[in-house]
PDB file of N, CA and C in Angstrom:
ATOM      1  N   MET A   1     206.296  80.185-115.897  1.00  0.00           N
ATOM      2  CA  MET A   1     205.782  79.792-117.188  1.00  0.00           C
ATOM      3  C   MET A   1     205.144  78.411-117.069  1.00  0.00           C
ATOM      4  N   SER A   2     204.008  78.262-117.728  1.00  0.00           N
ATOM      5  CA  SER A   2     203.315  76.981-117.784  1.00  0.00           C
ATOM      6  C   SER A   2     203.393  76.447-119.207  1.00  0.00           C
ATOM      7  N   SER A   3     203.395  75.124-119.332  1.00  0.00           N
ATOM      8  CA  SER A   3     203.484  74.486-120.650  1.00  0.00           C
ATOM      9  C   SER A   3     202.478  73.358-120.767  1.00  0.00           C
ATOM     10  N   ILE A   4     202.051  73.134-122.000  1.00  0.00           N
ATOM     11  CA  ILE A   4     201.169  72.013-122.300  1.00  0.00           C
ATOM     12  C   ILE A   4     201.586  71.455-123.662  1.00  0.00           C
ATOM     13  N   ILE A   5     201.535  70.148-123.794  1.00  0.00           N
ATOM     14  CA  ILE A   5     201.821  69.495-125.069  1.00  0.00           C
ATOM     15  C   ILE A   5     200.537  68.829-125.533  1.00  0.00           C
ATOM     16  N   LEU A   6     200.167  69.133-126.778  1.00  0.00           N
ATOM     17  CA  LEU A   6     198.899  68.665-127.328  1.00  0.00           C
ATOM     18  C   LEU A   6     199.113  67.886-128.612  1.00  0.00           C
ATOM     19  N   LYS A   7     198.155  67.039-128.922  1.00  0.00           N
ATOM     20  CA  LYS A   7     198.143  66.364-130.210  1.00  0.00           C
ATOM     21  C   LYS A   7     197.590  67.363-131.232  1.00  0.00           C
ATOM     22  N   PRO A   8     198.033  67.282-132.458  1.00  0.00           N
ATOM     23  CA  PRO A   8     197.514  68.201-133.477  1.00  0.00           C
ATOM     24  C   PRO A   8     196.121  67.783-133.953  1.00  0.00           C
ATOM     25  N   LYS A   9     195.161  67.893-133.048  1.00  0.00           N
ATOM     26  CA  LYS A   9     193.771  67.523-133.338  1.00  0.00           C
ATOM     27  C   LYS A   9     192.871  68.647-132.872  1.00  0.00           C
ATOM     28  N   LEU A  10     191.837  68.917-133.630  1.00  0.00           N
ATOM     29  CA  LEU A  10     190.920  70.003-133.315  1.00  0.00           C
ATOM     30  C   LEU A  10     190.271  69.832-131.944  1.00  0.00           C
ATOM     31  N   THR A  11     190.087  68.595-131.525  1.00  0.00           N
ATOM     32  CA  THR A  11     189.477  68.341-130.214  1.00  0.00           C
ATOM     33  C   THR A  11     190.344  68.858-129.067  1.00  0.00           C
ATOM     34  N   GLU A  12     191.617  69.098-129.314  1.00  0.00           N
ATOM     35  CA  GLU A  12     192.527  69.603-128.288  1.00  0.00           C
ATOM     36  C   GLU A  12     192.387  71.117-128.068  1.00  0.00           C
ATOM     37  N   LEU A  13     191.663  71.794-128.954  1.00  0.00           N
ATOM     38  CA  LEU A  13     191.501  73.240-128.825  1.00  0.00           C
ATOM     39  C   LEU A  13     190.812  73.606-127.513  1.00  0.00           C
ATOM     40  N   TYR A  14     189.828  72.829-127.114  1.00  0.00           N
ATOM     41  CA  TYR A  14     189.138  73.083-125.841  1.00  0.00           C
ATOM     42  C   TYR A  14     190.128  72.990-124.678  1.00  0.00           C
ATOM     43  N   THR A  15     190.962  71.973-124.685  1.00  0.00           N
ATOM     44  CA  THR A  15     191.970  71.793-123.634  1.00  0.00           C
ATOM     45  C   THR A  15     192.924  72.982-123.607  1.00  0.00           C
ATOM     46  N   LEU A  16     193.345  73.439-124.775  1.00  0.00           N
ATOM     47  CA  LEU A  16     194.250  74.580-124.851  1.00  0.00           C
ATOM     48  C   LEU A  16     193.582  75.853-124.326  1.00  0.00           C
ATOM     49  N   ASN A  17     192.341  76.082-124.714  1.00  0.00           N
ATOM     50  CA  ASN A  17     191.627  77.268-124.226  1.00  0.00           C
ATOM     51  C   ASN A  17     191.478  77.247-122.705  1.00  0.00           C
ATOM     52  N   GLU A  18     191.180  76.108-122.140  1.00  0.00           N
ATOM     53  CA  GLU A  18     191.065  75.976-120.684  1.00  0.00           C
ATOM     54  C   GLU A  18     192.411  76.229-120.007  1.00  0.00           C
ATOM     55  N   PHE A  19     193.470  75.724-120.614  1.00  0.00           N
ATOM     56  CA  PHE A  19     194.816  75.917-120.081  1.00  0.00           C
ATOM     57  C   PHE A  19     195.168  77.413-120.030  1.00  0.00           C
ATOM     58  N   ILE A  20     194.892  78.125-121.106  1.00  0.00           N
ATOM     59  CA  ILE A  20     195.201  79.560-121.157  1.00  0.00           C
ATOM     60  C   ILE A  20     194.278  80.351-120.236  1.00  0.00           C
ATOM     61  N   LEU A  21     193.014  79.981-120.183  1.00  0.00           N
ATOM     62  CA  LEU A  21     192.063  80.646-119.284  1.00  0.00           C
ATOM     63  C   LEU A  21     192.500  80.490-117.830  1.00  0.00           C
ATOM     64  N   ASN A  22     193.075  79.369-117.504  1.00  0.00           N
ATOM     65  CA  ASN A  22     193.578  79.136-116.154  1.00  0.00           C
ATOM     66  C   ASN A  22     194.672  80.150-115.793  1.00  0.00           C
ATOM     67  N   GLU A  23     195.477  80.532-116.773  1.00  0.00           N
ATOM     68  CA  GLU A  23     196.523  81.539-116.554  1.00  0.00           C
ATOM     69  C   GLU A  23     195.929  82.946-116.455  1.00  0.00           C
ATOM     70  N   LEU A  24     195.003  83.263-117.346  1.00  0.00           N
ATOM     71  CA  LEU A  24     194.431  84.619-117.407  1.00  0.00           C
ATOM     72  C   LEU A  24     193.399  84.893-116.314  1.00  0.00           C
ATOM     73  N   GLN A  25     192.670  83.877-115.928  1.00  0.00           N
ATOM     74  CA  GLN A  25     191.608  83.968-114.931  1.00  0.00           C
ATOM     75  C   GLN A  25     190.321  84.574-115.473  1.00  0.00           C
ATOM     76  N   GLU A  26     190.303  85.072-116.699  1.00  0.00           N
ATOM     77  CA  GLU A  26     189.059  85.538-117.315  1.00  0.00           C
ATOM     78  C   GLU A  26     189.192  85.490-118.831  1.00  0.00           C
ATOM     79  N   GLU A  27     188.039  85.313-119.494  1.00  0.00           N
ATOM     80  CA  GLU A  27     188.002  85.213-120.949  1.00  0.00           C
ATOM     81  C   GLU A  27     188.473  86.508-121.601  1.00  0.00           C
ATOM     82  N   ASN A  28     189.087  86.381-122.761  1.00  0.00           N
ATOM     83  CA  ASN A  28     189.483  87.530-123.557  1.00  0.00           C
ATOM     84  C   ASN A  28     189.267  87.155-125.019  1.00  0.00           C
ATOM     85  N   LEU A  29     188.385  87.872-125.679  1.00  0.00           N
ATOM     86  CA  LEU A  29     188.011  87.544-127.048  1.00  0.00           C
ATOM     87  C   LEU A  29     189.212  87.565-127.996  1.00  0.00           C
ATOM     88  N   HIS A  30     190.073  88.557-127.864  1.00  0.00           N
ATOM     89  CA  HIS A  30     191.240  88.634-128.747  1.00  0.00           C
ATOM     90  C   HIS A  30     192.186  87.460-128.528  1.00  0.00           C
ATOM     91  N   VAL A  31     192.406  87.099-127.288  1.00  0.00           N
ATOM     92  CA  VAL A  31     193.269  85.951-126.994  1.00  0.00           C
ATOM     93  C   VAL A  31     192.653  84.683-127.559  1.00  0.00           C
ATOM     94  N   ASN A  32     191.349  84.503-127.378  1.00  0.00           N
ATOM     95  CA  ASN A  32     190.671  83.315-127.916  1.00  0.00           C
ATOM     96  C   ASN A  32     190.828  83.226-129.428  1.00  0.00           C
ATOM     97  N   LEU A  33     190.689  84.360-130.101  1.00  0.00           N
ATOM     98  CA  LEU A  33     190.811  84.377-131.559  1.00  0.00           C
ATOM     99  C   LEU A  33     192.232  84.033-132.000  1.00  0.00           C
ATOM    100  N   ILE A  34     193.222  84.619-131.349  1.00  0.00           N
ATOM    101  CA  ILE A  34     194.619  84.331-131.679  1.00  0.00           C
ATOM    102  C   ILE A  34     194.906  82.846-131.494  1.00  0.00           C
ATOM    103  N   VAL A  35     194.528  82.312-130.346  1.00  0.00           N
ATOM    104  CA  VAL A  35     194.789  80.897-130.032  1.00  0.00           C
ATOM    105  C   VAL A  35     194.135  79.987-131.068  1.00  0.00           C
ATOM    106  N   GLU A  36     192.879  80.250-131.380  1.00  0.00           N
ATOM    107  CA  GLU A  36     192.174  79.409-132.338  1.00  0.00           C
ATOM    108  C   GLU A  36     192.823  79.479-133.720  1.00  0.00           C
ATOM    109  N   GLU A  37     193.127  80.668-134.193  1.00  0.00           N
ATOM    110  CA  GLU A  37     193.706  80.818-135.532  1.00  0.00           C
ATOM    111  C   GLU A  37     195.068  80.127-135.631  1.00  0.00           C
ATOM    112  N   VAL A  38     195.928  80.345-134.667  1.00  0.00           N
ATOM    113  CA  VAL A  38     197.266  79.742-134.713  1.00  0.00           C
ATOM    114  C   VAL A  38     197.175  78.226-134.590  1.00  0.00           C
ATOM    115  N   PHE A  39     196.405  77.750-133.614  1.00  0.00           N
ATOM    116  CA  PHE A  39     196.303  76.307-133.378  1.00  0.00           C
ATOM    117  C   PHE A  39     195.712  75.581-134.591  1.00  0.00           C
ATOM    118  N   VAL A  40     194.640  76.127-135.145  1.00  0.00           N
ATOM    119  CA  VAL A  40     193.996  75.483-136.295  1.00  0.00           C
ATOM    120  C   VAL A  40     194.918  75.496-137.509  1.00  0.00           C
ATOM    121  N   ASN A  41     195.649  76.590-137.721  1.00  0.00           N
ATOM    122  CA  ASN A  41     196.586  76.620-138.848  1.00  0.00           C
ATOM    123  C   ASN A  41     197.682  75.568-138.696  1.00  0.00           C
ATOM    124  N   ILE A  42     198.188  75.396-137.491  1.00  0.00           N
ATOM    125  CA  ILE A  42     199.205  74.361-137.262  1.00  0.00           C
ATOM    126  C   ILE A  42     198.618  72.991-137.584  1.00  0.00           C
ATOM    127  N   ILE A  43     197.418  72.731-137.116  1.00  0.00           N
ATOM    128  CA  ILE A  43     196.771  71.438-137.372  1.00  0.00           C
ATOM    129  C   ILE A  43     196.578  71.207-138.874  1.00  0.00           C
ATOM    130  N   LYS A  44     196.054  72.205-139.555  1.00  0.00           N
ATOM    131  CA  LYS A  44     195.693  72.052-140.970  1.00  0.00           C
ATOM    132  C   LYS A  44     196.885  71.950-141.909  1.00  0.00           C
ATOM    133  N   TYR A  45     197.966  72.659-141.611  1.00  0.00           N
ATOM    134  CA  TYR A  45     199.016  72.796-142.617  1.00  0.00           C
ATOM    135  C   TYR A  45     200.389  72.251-142.242  1.00  0.00           C
ATOM    136  N   SER A  46     200.682  72.069-140.977  1.00  0.00           N
ATOM    137  CA  SER A  46     202.070  71.779-140.588  1.00  0.00           C
ATOM    138  C   SER A  46     202.486  70.312-140.680  1.00  0.00           C
ATOM    139  N   LYS A  47     201.539  69.406-140.563  1.00  0.00           N
ATOM    140  CA  LYS A  47     201.842  67.970-140.486  1.00  0.00           C
ATOM    141  C   LYS A  47     202.690  67.655-139.251  1.00  0.00           C
ATOM    142  N   ALA A  48     202.471  68.415-138.188  1.00  0.00           N
ATOM    143  CA  ALA A  48     203.221  68.234-136.943  1.00  0.00           C
ATOM    144  C   ALA A  48     202.751  66.995-136.186  1.00  0.00           C
ATOM    145  N   ASP A  49     203.650  66.453-135.356  1.00  0.00           N
ATOM    146  CA  ASP A  49     203.318  65.337-134.479  1.00  0.00           C
ATOM    147  C   ASP A  49     202.837  65.827-133.115  1.00  0.00           C
ATOM    148  N   PHE A  50     203.222  67.067-132.775  1.00  0.00           N
ATOM    149  CA  PHE A  50     202.833  67.639-131.487  1.00  0.00           C
ATOM    150  C   PHE A  50     202.792  69.157-131.593  1.00  0.00           C
ATOM    151  N   ILE A  51     202.085  69.760-130.653  1.00  0.00           N
ATOM    152  CA  ILE A  51     202.075  71.211-130.506  1.00  0.00           C
ATOM    153  C   ILE A  51     202.290  71.501-129.026  1.00  0.00           C
ATOM    154  N   LYS A  52     203.372  72.202-128.747  1.00  0.00           N
ATOM    155  CA  LYS A  52     203.658  72.600-127.366  1.00  0.00           C
ATOM    156  C   LYS A  52     203.331  74.084-127.247  1.00  0.00           C
ATOM    157  N   VAL A  53     202.660  74.456-126.160  1.00  0.00           N
ATOM    158  CA  VAL A  53     202.324  75.853-125.933  1.00  0.00           C
ATOM    159  C   VAL A  53     202.830  76.250-124.552  1.00  0.00           C
ATOM    160  N   ASN A  54     203.682  77.273-124.536  1.00  0.00           N
ATOM    161  CA  ASN A  54     204.168  77.858-123.287  1.00  0.00           C
ATOM    162  C   ASN A  54     203.394  79.152-123.058  1.00  0.00           C
ATOM    163  N   VAL A  55     202.963  79.359-121.822  1.00  0.00           N
ATOM    164  CA  VAL A  55     202.186  80.553-121.499  1.00  0.00           C
ATOM    165  C   VAL A  55     202.744  81.203-120.246  1.00  0.00           C
ATOM    166  N   GLU A  56     202.876  82.525-120.329  1.00  0.00           N
ATOM    167  CA  GLU A  56     203.311  83.301-119.182  1.00  0.00           C
ATOM    168  C   GLU A  56     202.446  84.559-119.130  1.00  0.00           C
ATOM    169  N   TYR A  57     201.901  84.856-117.955  1.00  0.00           N
ATOM    170  CA  TYR A  57     201.059  86.041-117.798  1.00  0.00           C
ATOM    171  C   TYR A  57     201.550  86.831-116.598  1.00  0.00           C
ATOM    172  N   GLU A  58     201.966  88.070-116.871  1.00  0.00           N
ATOM    173  CA  GLU A  58     202.496  88.919-115.805  1.00  0.00           C
ATOM    174  C   GLU A  58     202.320  90.380-116.205  1.00  0.00           C
ATOM    175  N   ASN A  59     201.921  91.202-115.252  1.00  0.00           N
ATOM    176  CA  ASN A  59     201.770  92.644-115.473  1.00  0.00           C
ATOM    177  C   ASN A  59     200.896  92.959-116.691  1.00  0.00           C
ATOM    178  N   GLU A  60     199.766  92.283-116.783  1.00  0.00           N
ATOM    179  CA  GLU A  60     198.794  92.474-117.861  1.00  0.00           C
ATOM    180  C   GLU A  60     199.358  92.175-119.251  1.00  0.00           C
ATOM    181  N   THR A  61     200.400  91.358-119.313  1.00  0.00           N
ATOM    182  CA  THR A  61     200.985  90.946-120.582  1.00  0.00           C
ATOM    183  C   THR A  61     200.981  89.422-120.664  1.00  0.00           C
ATOM    184  N   LEU A  62     200.376  88.923-121.722  1.00  0.00           N
ATOM    185  CA  LEU A  62     200.328  87.488-121.974  1.00  0.00           C
ATOM    186  C   LEU A  62     201.351  87.159-123.048  1.00  0.00           C
ATOM    187  N   ILE A  63     202.219  86.201-122.740  1.00  0.00           N
ATOM    188  CA  ILE A  63     203.206  85.717-123.703  1.00  0.00           C
ATOM    189  C   ILE A  63     202.886  84.254-123.981  1.00  0.00           C
ATOM    190  N   MET A  64     202.614  83.959-125.233  1.00  0.00           N
ATOM    191  CA  MET A  64     202.333  82.590-125.656  1.00  0.00           C
ATOM    192  C   MET A  64     203.375  82.185-126.689  1.00  0.00           C
ATOM    193  N   LYS A  65     203.889  80.978-126.544  1.00  0.00           N
ATOM    194  CA  LYS A  65     204.836  80.467-127.528  1.00  0.00           C
ATOM    195  C   LYS A  65     204.320  79.130-128.030  1.00  0.00           C
ATOM    196  N   PHE A  66     204.051  79.065-129.333  1.00  0.00           N
ATOM    197  CA  PHE A  66     203.589  77.845-129.980  1.00  0.00           C
ATOM    198  C   PHE A  66     204.797  77.189-130.636  1.00  0.00           C
ATOM    199  N   ILE A  67     205.016  75.925-130.313  1.00  0.00           N
ATOM    200  CA  ILE A  67     206.146  75.176-130.858  1.00  0.00           C
ATOM    201  C   ILE A  67     205.592  73.899-131.485  1.00  0.00           C
ATOM    202  N   ASP A  68     205.997  73.638-132.723  1.00  0.00           N
ATOM    203  CA  ASP A  68     205.584  72.386-133.363  1.00  0.00           C
ATOM    204  C   ASP A  68     206.722  71.866-134.223  1.00  0.00           C
ATOM    205  N   ASN A  69     206.681  70.571-134.519  1.00  0.00           N
ATOM    206  CA  ASN A  69     207.732  69.946-135.316  1.00  0.00           C
ATOM    207  C   ASN A  69     207.271  69.706-136.752  1.00  0.00           C
ATOM    208  N   GLY A  70     206.387  70.555-137.220  1.00  0.00           N
ATOM    209  CA  GLY A  70     205.861  70.411-138.576  1.00  0.00           C
ATOM    210  C   GLY A  70     206.708  71.097-139.628  1.00  0.00           C
ATOM    211  N   ILE A  71     206.129  71.250-140.786  1.00  0.00           N
ATOM    212  CA  ILE A  71     206.777  71.892-141.920  1.00  0.00           C
ATOM    213  C   ILE A  71     207.147  73.329-141.545  1.00  0.00           C
ATOM    214  N   GLU A  72     208.346  73.727-141.911  1.00  0.00           N
ATOM    215  CA  GLU A  72     208.784  75.094-141.593  1.00  0.00           C
ATOM    216  C   GLU A  72     207.869  76.109-142.265  1.00  0.00           C
ATOM    217  N   PHE A  73     207.363  77.046-141.468  1.00  0.00           N
ATOM    218  CA  PHE A  73     206.497  78.102-141.999  1.00  0.00           C
ATOM    219  C   PHE A  73     206.595  79.332-141.110  1.00  0.00           C
ATOM    220  N   ASN A  74     207.028  80.430-141.702  1.00  0.00           N
ATOM    221  CA  ASN A  74     207.113  81.692-140.992  1.00  0.00           C
ATOM    222  C   ASN A  74     205.899  82.542-141.345  1.00  0.00           C
ATOM    223  N   PRO A  75     204.921  82.625-140.449  1.00  0.00           N
ATOM    224  CA  PRO A  75     203.709  83.396-140.758  1.00  0.00           C
ATOM    225  C   PRO A  75     203.974  84.892-140.888  1.00  0.00           C
ATOM    226  N   LEU A  76     205.094  85.364-140.372  1.00  0.00           N
ATOM    227  CA  LEU A  76     205.410  86.783-140.463  1.00  0.00           C
ATOM    228  C   LEU A  76     205.788  87.185-141.891  1.00  0.00           C
ATOM    229  N   LEU A  77     206.162  86.217-142.705  1.00  0.00           N
ATOM    230  CA  LEU A  77     206.511  86.487-144.098  1.00  0.00           C
ATOM    231  C   LEU A  77     205.303  86.415-145.028  1.00  0.00           C
ATOM    232  N   LYS A  78     204.196  85.968-144.494  1.00  0.00           N
ATOM    233  CA  LYS A  78     202.965  85.869-145.284  1.00  0.00           C
ATOM    234  C   LYS A  78     202.553  87.277-145.716  1.00  0.00           C
ATOM    235  N   GLU A  79     202.322  87.423-147.010  1.00  0.00           N
ATOM    236  CA  GLU A  79     201.940  88.726-147.528  1.00  0.00           C
ATOM    237  C   GLU A  79     200.585  89.148-146.980  1.00  0.00           C
ATOM    238  N   LYS A  80     200.391  90.442-146.943  1.00  0.00           N
ATOM    239  CA  LYS A  80     199.131  90.997-146.458  1.00  0.00           C
ATOM    240  C   LYS A  80     197.985  90.472-147.307  1.00  0.00           C
ATOM    241  N   HIS A  81     196.947  90.043-146.642  1.00  0.00           N
ATOM    242  CA  HIS A  81     195.766  89.505-147.306  1.00  0.00           C
ATOM    243  C   HIS A  81     194.901  90.659-147.799  1.00  0.00           C
ATOM    244  N   ASP A  82     194.459  90.575-149.041  1.00  0.00           N
ATOM    245  CA  ASP A  82     193.555  91.598-149.564  1.00  0.00           C
ATOM    246  C   ASP A  82     192.172  91.398-148.974  1.00  0.00           C
ATOM    247  N   LEU A  83     191.681  92.438-148.342  1.00  0.00           N
ATOM    248  CA  LEU A  83     190.348  92.369-147.756  1.00  0.00           C
ATOM    249  C   LEU A  83     189.308  92.563-148.848  1.00  0.00           C
ATOM    250  N   PRO A  84     188.179  91.848-148.757  1.00  0.00           N
ATOM    251  CA  PRO A  84     187.133  92.003-149.771  1.00  0.00           C
ATOM    252  C   PRO A  84     186.472  93.381-149.665  1.00  0.00           C
ATOM    253  N   LYS A  85     185.985  93.873-150.798  1.00  0.00           N
ATOM    254  CA  LYS A  85     185.308  95.175-150.819  1.00  0.00           C
ATOM    255  C   LYS A  85     183.924  95.092-150.169  1.00  0.00           C
ATOM    256  N   ASP A  86     183.306  93.923-150.297  1.00  0.00           N
ATOM    257  CA  ASP A  86     182.003  93.722-149.657  1.00  0.00           C
ATOM    258  C   ASP A  86     181.824  92.242-149.343  1.00  0.00           C
ATOM    259  N   ILE A  87     180.752  91.935-148.676  1.00  0.00           N
ATOM    260  CA  ILE A  87     180.508  90.560-148.206  1.00  0.00           C
ATOM    261  C   ILE A  87     180.377  89.565-149.358  1.00  0.00           C
ATOM    262  N   ASP A  88     179.910  90.022-150.517  1.00  0.00           N
ATOM    263  CA  ASP A  88     179.751  89.130-151.660  1.00  0.00           C
ATOM    264  C   ASP A  88     181.097  88.657-152.217  1.00  0.00           C
ATOM    265  N   GLU A  89     182.156  89.446-152.013  1.00  0.00           N
ATOM    266  CA  GLU A  89     183.485  89.079-152.498  1.00  0.00           C
ATOM    267  C   GLU A  89     184.272  88.261-151.480  1.00  0.00           C
ATOM    268  N   ALA A  90     183.771  88.175-150.262  1.00  0.00           N
ATOM    269  CA  ALA A  90     184.498  87.481-149.190  1.00  0.00           C
ATOM    270  C   ALA A  90     184.599  85.993-149.474  1.00  0.00           C
ATOM    271  N   GLN A  91     185.763  85.416-149.151  1.00  0.00           N
ATOM    272  CA  GLN A  91     185.977  83.984-149.298  1.00  0.00           C
ATOM    273  C   GLN A  91     186.329  83.397-147.940  1.00  0.00           C
ATOM    274  N   ILE A  92     186.035  82.141-147.766  1.00  0.00           N
ATOM    275  CA  ILE A  92     186.363  81.466-146.522  1.00  0.00           C
ATOM    276  C   ILE A  92     187.860  81.206-146.483  1.00  0.00           C
ATOM    277  N   GLY A  93     188.466  81.497-145.338  1.00  0.00           N
ATOM    278  CA  GLY A  93     189.886  81.207-145.144  1.00  0.00           C
ATOM    279  C   GLY A  93     190.791  82.354-145.550  1.00  0.00           C
ATOM    280  N   GLY A  94     192.029  82.257-145.070  1.00  0.00           N
ATOM    281  CA  GLY A  94     193.049  83.204-145.456  1.00  0.00           C
ATOM    282  C   GLY A  94     193.198  84.423-144.576  1.00  0.00           C
ATOM    283  N   LEU A  95     192.310  84.618-143.625  1.00  0.00           N
ATOM    284  CA  LEU A  95     192.382  85.802-142.782  1.00  0.00           C
ATOM    285  C   LEU A  95     193.001  85.541-141.414  1.00  0.00           C
ATOM    286  N   GLY A  96     193.229  84.304-141.064  1.00  0.00           N
ATOM    287  CA  GLY A  96     193.726  83.963-139.731  1.00  0.00           C
ATOM    288  C   GLY A  96     195.039  84.615-139.374  1.00  0.00           C
ATOM    289  N   ILE A  97     196.023  84.522-140.260  1.00  0.00           N
ATOM    290  CA  ILE A  97     197.327  85.124-139.998  1.00  0.00           C
ATOM    291  C   ILE A  97     197.192  86.646-139.965  1.00  0.00           C
ATOM    292  N   PHE A  98     196.419  87.193-140.903  1.00  0.00           N
ATOM    293  CA  PHE A  98     196.190  88.636-140.944  1.00  0.00           C
ATOM    294  C   PHE A  98     195.590  89.124-139.625  1.00  0.00           C
ATOM    295  N   LEU A  99     194.551  88.439-139.148  1.00  0.00           N
ATOM    296  CA  LEU A  99     193.908  88.839-137.886  1.00  0.00           C
ATOM    297  C   LEU A  99     194.856  88.705-136.708  1.00  0.00           C
ATOM    298  N   THR A 100     195.622  87.632-136.676  1.00  0.00           N
ATOM    299  CA  THR A 100     196.583  87.430-135.592  1.00  0.00           C
ATOM    300  C   THR A 100     197.603  88.572-135.566  1.00  0.00           C
ATOM    301  N   LYS A 101     198.092  88.958-136.725  1.00  0.00           N
ATOM    302  CA  LYS A 101     199.044  90.074-136.795  1.00  0.00           C
ATOM    303  C   LYS A 101     198.399  91.379-136.316  1.00  0.00           C
ATOM    304  N   GLN A 102     197.138  91.582-136.663  1.00  0.00           N
ATOM    305  CA  GLN A 102     196.461  92.823-136.319  1.00  0.00           C
ATOM    306  C   GLN A 102     196.179  92.958-134.825  1.00  0.00           C
ATOM    307  N   ILE A 103     195.808  91.878-134.162  1.00  0.00           N
ATOM    308  CA  ILE A 103     195.389  92.000-132.760  1.00  0.00           C
ATOM    309  C   ILE A 103     196.477  91.636-131.751  1.00  0.00           C
ATOM    310  N   SER A 104     197.601  91.116-132.233  1.00  0.00           N
ATOM    311  CA  SER A 104     198.734  90.858-131.343  1.00  0.00           C
ATOM    312  C   SER A 104     199.538  92.144-131.186  1.00  0.00           C
ATOM    313  N   ASP A 105     200.213  92.269-130.063  1.00  0.00           N
ATOM    314  CA  ASP A 105     201.077  93.428-129.871  1.00  0.00           C
ATOM    315  C   ASP A 105     202.472  93.199-130.451  1.00  0.00           C
ATOM    316  N   GLU A 106     202.953  91.964-130.352  1.00  0.00           N
ATOM    317  CA  GLU A 106     204.262  91.619-130.922  1.00  0.00           C
ATOM    318  C   GLU A 106     204.221  90.160-131.363  1.00  0.00           C
ATOM    319  N   LEU A 107     204.927  89.866-132.457  1.00  0.00           N
ATOM    320  CA  LEU A 107     205.051  88.500-132.970  1.00  0.00           C
ATOM    321  C   LEU A 107     206.506  88.239-133.344  1.00  0.00           C
ATOM    322  N   TYR A 108     206.987  87.054-132.990  1.00  0.00           N
ATOM    323  CA  TYR A 108     208.355  86.658-133.332  1.00  0.00           C
ATOM    324  C   TYR A 108     208.319  85.214-133.825  1.00  0.00           C
ATOM    325  N   TYR A 109     209.153  84.914-134.809  1.00  0.00           N
ATOM    326  CA  TYR A 109     209.213  83.553-135.336  1.00  0.00           C
ATOM    327  C   TYR A 109     210.669  83.122-135.470  1.00  0.00           C
ATOM    328  N   ASN A 110     210.924  81.860-135.122  1.00  0.00           N
ATOM    329  CA  ASN A 110     212.220  81.220-135.337  1.00  0.00           C
ATOM    330  C   ASN A 110     211.985  79.769-135.725  1.00  0.00           C
ATOM    331  N   TYR A 111     212.880  79.235-136.530  1.00  0.00           N
ATOM    332  CA  TYR A 111     212.881  77.814-136.848  1.00  0.00           C
ATOM    333  C   TYR A 111     214.154  77.255-136.235  1.00  0.00           C
ATOM    334  N   ILE A 112     213.996  76.431-135.201  1.00  0.00           N
ATOM    335  CA  ILE A 112     215.136  75.955-134.430  1.00  0.00           C
ATOM    336  C   ILE A 112     215.087  74.433-134.325  1.00  0.00           C
ATOM    337  N   ASP A 113     216.153  73.780-134.753  1.00  0.00           N
ATOM    338  CA  ASP A 113     216.274  72.321-134.630  1.00  0.00           C
ATOM    339  C   ASP A 113     215.040  71.582-135.131  1.00  0.00           C
ATOM    340  N   GLY A 114     214.533  71.962-136.282  1.00  0.00           N
ATOM    341  CA  GLY A 114     213.397  71.274-136.884  1.00  0.00           C
ATOM    342  C   GLY A 114     212.051  71.623-136.270  1.00  0.00           C
ATOM    343  N   GLU A 115     211.992  72.738-135.535  1.00  0.00           N
ATOM    344  CA  GLU A 115     210.729  73.134-134.902  1.00  0.00           C
ATOM    345  C   GLU A 115     210.402  74.594-135.203  1.00  0.00           C
ATOM    346  N   ASN A 116     209.128  74.846-135.453  1.00  0.00           N
ATOM    347  CA  ASN A 116     208.615  76.201-135.584  1.00  0.00           C
ATOM    348  C   ASN A 116     208.378  76.760-134.191  1.00  0.00           C
ATOM    349  N   HIS A 117     208.822  77.992-133.958  1.00  0.00           N
ATOM    350  CA  HIS A 117     208.622  78.679-132.679  1.00  0.00           C
ATOM    351  C   HIS A 117     207.955  80.015-132.980  1.00  0.00           C
ATOM    352  N   LEU A 118     206.691  80.151-132.613  1.00  0.00           N
ATOM    353  CA  LEU A 118     205.960  81.398-132.819  1.00  0.00           C
ATOM    354  C   LEU A 118     205.640  81.989-131.458  1.00  0.00           C
ATOM    355  N   LYS A 119     206.218  83.144-131.184  1.00  0.00           N
ATOM    356  CA  LYS A 119     206.008  83.827-129.907  1.00  0.00           C
ATOM    357  C   LYS A 119     205.044  84.993-130.141  1.00  0.00           C
ATOM    358  N   ILE A 120     203.999  85.045-129.333  1.00  0.00           N
ATOM    359  CA  ILE A 120     202.967  86.062-129.449  1.00  0.00           C
ATOM    360  C   ILE A 120     202.853  86.796-128.133  1.00  0.00           C
ATOM    361  N   ILE A 121     202.920  88.112-128.197  1.00  0.00           N
ATOM    362  CA  ILE A 121     202.777  88.943-127.000  1.00  0.00           C
ATOM    363  C   ILE A 121     201.515  89.771-127.147  1.00  0.00           C
ATOM    364  N   LYS A 122     200.663  89.712-126.125  1.00  0.00           N
ATOM    365  CA  LYS A 122     199.393  90.424-126.153  1.00  0.00           C
ATOM    366  C   LYS A 122     199.149  91.096-124.816  1.00  0.00           C
ATOM    367  N   LYS A 123     198.926  92.397-124.851  1.00  0.00           N
ATOM    368  CA  LYS A 123     198.537  93.142-123.645  1.00  0.00           C
ATOM    369  C   LYS A 123     197.098  92.784-123.327  1.00  0.00           C
ATOM    370  N   VAL A 124     196.844  92.400-122.086  1.00  0.00           N
ATOM    371  CA  VAL A 124     195.507  92.005-121.665  1.00  0.00           C
ATOM    372  C   VAL A 124     195.131  92.835-120.448  1.00  0.00           C
ATOM    373  N   GLU A 125     194.074  93.611-120.588  1.00  0.00           N
ATOM    374  CA  GLU A 125     193.680  94.491-119.470  1.00  0.00           C
ATOM    375  C   GLU A 125     192.406  94.016-118.830  1.00  0.00           C
TER     376      GLU A 125
END
């Protein structure tokens, strides 16, 4: 398992993507989307001082664990987002958690010792 600790700043997203790409060895659109949505949500809403990401890749399975010391938030309890009927009804925001749930294979959340722990499992072929 590899780990990286980042500041909760948008400029760190590039560093995180490079770190994960180093594990995977090739780009994956679904992984990029998951990473961006989770990381940006932590930055925008958690008020965390740090974001730690653990990554493990084995047998075409990527396991990512996002840990932050921000406000407790379980994204798995977030109600299903209503999708717009057409593009004119679409609003910016609110789909990140929904998309992450849809394209991840497994999601787990725990709040331990003042830290959010979000574990994401994604099959990568």
